[in-house]
């Protein structure tokens, strides 16, 4: 099963099924953090619909949840885009 959980204007992809681990061995805290209340594994992958008007067209990868954070002003920063911009600006000195 796949569940899309809204995160801002995108969706975190969550999965559940017999092929997905039931949790961390002897580590209930890690298990609780990795799974939602319905038992879906939080992949951390973010997605958008390729065509919001036609969800059957599929999803497009839209970053990682761990690479994003919200400032106290309410503005979201997307770490992937930030690091890409820095690498381009500092090239060839940083790779």
Protein backbone atom coordinates (compact mmCIF):
# COMPACT_ATOMS: atom_id res chain seq x y z
CA UNK A 1 0.00 0.00 0.00
CA UNK A 2 1.10 3.56 -0.65
CA UNK A 3 -0.11 6.59 1.29
CA UNK A 4 0.58 10.20 0.35
CA UNK A 5 0.76 12.50 3.37
CA UNK A 6 0.51 16.23 2.63
CA UNK A 7 3.66 18.17 3.55
CA UNK A 8 3.22 21.77 2.46
CA UNK A 9 2.53 21.72 -1.27
CA UNK A 10 3.97 18.22 -1.75
CA UNK A 11 3.37 14.73 -0.42
CA UNK A 12 5.54 12.42 1.66
CA UNK A 13 5.43 8.89 0.26
CA UNK A 14 4.62 6.31 2.94
CA UNK A 15 4.42 2.55 2.40
CA UNK A 16 2.97 -0.46 4.19
CA UNK A 17 2.77 -4.16 3.39
CA UNK A 18 4.30 -7.57 3.97
CA UNK A 19 7.43 -6.54 2.05
CA UNK A 20 8.06 -3.60 4.43
CA UNK A 21 9.82 -4.22 7.75
CA UNK A 22 7.66 -4.12 10.88
CA UNK A 23 10.23 -1.97 12.66
CA UNK A 24 13.65 -1.83 14.26
CA UNK A 25 14.66 -4.90 16.30
CA UNK A 26 14.58 -4.07 20.02
CA UNK A 27 14.40 -0.31 19.32
CA UNK A 28 10.80 0.82 19.93
CA UNK A 29 11.70 4.54 19.89
CA UNK A 30 13.20 4.31 16.41
CA UNK A 31 10.24 2.26 15.24
CA UNK A 32 7.77 4.82 16.59
CA UNK A 33 9.62 7.63 14.79
CA UNK A 34 9.84 5.71 11.50
CA UNK A 35 6.17 4.69 11.25
CA UNK A 36 2.96 6.70 11.42
CA UNK A 37 -0.07 5.88 13.57
CA UNK A 38 -1.48 3.60 10.85
CA UNK A 39 1.73 1.57 10.52
CA UNK A 40 2.95 3.17 7.28
CA UNK A 41 6.73 3.57 6.95
CA UNK A 42 7.79 7.20 6.51
CA UNK A 43 10.16 7.02 3.53
CA UNK A 44 11.12 10.69 3.73
CA UNK A 45 10.74 10.94 -0.04
CA UNK A 46 8.58 13.80 -1.30
CA UNK A 47 6.53 13.75 -4.47
CA UNK A 48 4.23 15.83 -6.64
CA UNK A 49 1.64 14.64 -9.11
CA UNK A 50 3.00 14.78 -12.66
CA UNK A 51 -0.37 16.24 -13.67
CA UNK A 52 -2.51 17.33 -10.69
CA UNK A 53 -5.58 17.18 -12.92
CA UNK A 54 -4.87 13.55 -13.79
CA UNK A 55 -3.31 11.63 -10.85
CA UNK A 56 -3.14 8.49 -13.03
CA UNK A 57 -0.14 10.12 -14.78
CA UNK A 58 1.93 9.28 -11.69
CA UNK A 59 4.27 11.03 -9.31
CA UNK A 60 7.46 13.05 -9.72
CA UNK A 61 10.23 12.99 -7.10
CA UNK A 62 10.27 16.36 -5.29
CA UNK A 63 13.05 16.08 -2.70
CA UNK A 64 13.66 14.66 0.75
CA UNK A 65 11.71 15.71 3.84
CA UNK A 66 14.85 15.67 6.01
CA UNK A 67 16.46 18.31 3.78
CA UNK A 68 13.73 20.85 4.51
CA UNK A 69 12.91 23.06 7.44
CA UNK A 70 10.67 25.95 8.39
CA UNK A 71 12.06 29.26 9.68
CA UNK A 72 10.41 31.01 12.63
CA UNK A 73 9.04 33.47 10.05
CA UNK A 74 7.03 30.62 8.52
CA UNK A 75 9.16 30.44 5.36
CA UNK A 76 10.12 26.96 4.19
CA UNK A 77 13.72 26.33 3.06
CA UNK A 78 14.47 23.45 0.75
CA UNK A 79 17.92 22.11 1.54
CA UNK A 80 18.37 20.29 -1.76
CA UNK A 81 17.82 23.45 -3.80
CA UNK A 82 19.99 25.43 -1.39
CA UNK A 83 22.91 23.00 -1.63
CA UNK A 84 22.59 22.79 -5.43
CA UNK A 85 22.78 26.59 -5.64
CA UNK A 86 25.80 26.75 -3.35
CA UNK A 87 27.65 24.07 -5.29
CA UNK A 88 27.05 25.93 -8.57
CA UNK A 89 28.12 29.26 -7.07
CA UNK A 90 31.30 27.84 -5.51
CA UNK A 91 32.37 25.66 -8.43
CA UNK A 92 35.14 24.70 -9.18
CA UNK A 93 36.42 25.33 -5.63
CA UNK A 94 33.83 23.03 -4.05
CA UNK A 95 32.51 19.82 -5.56
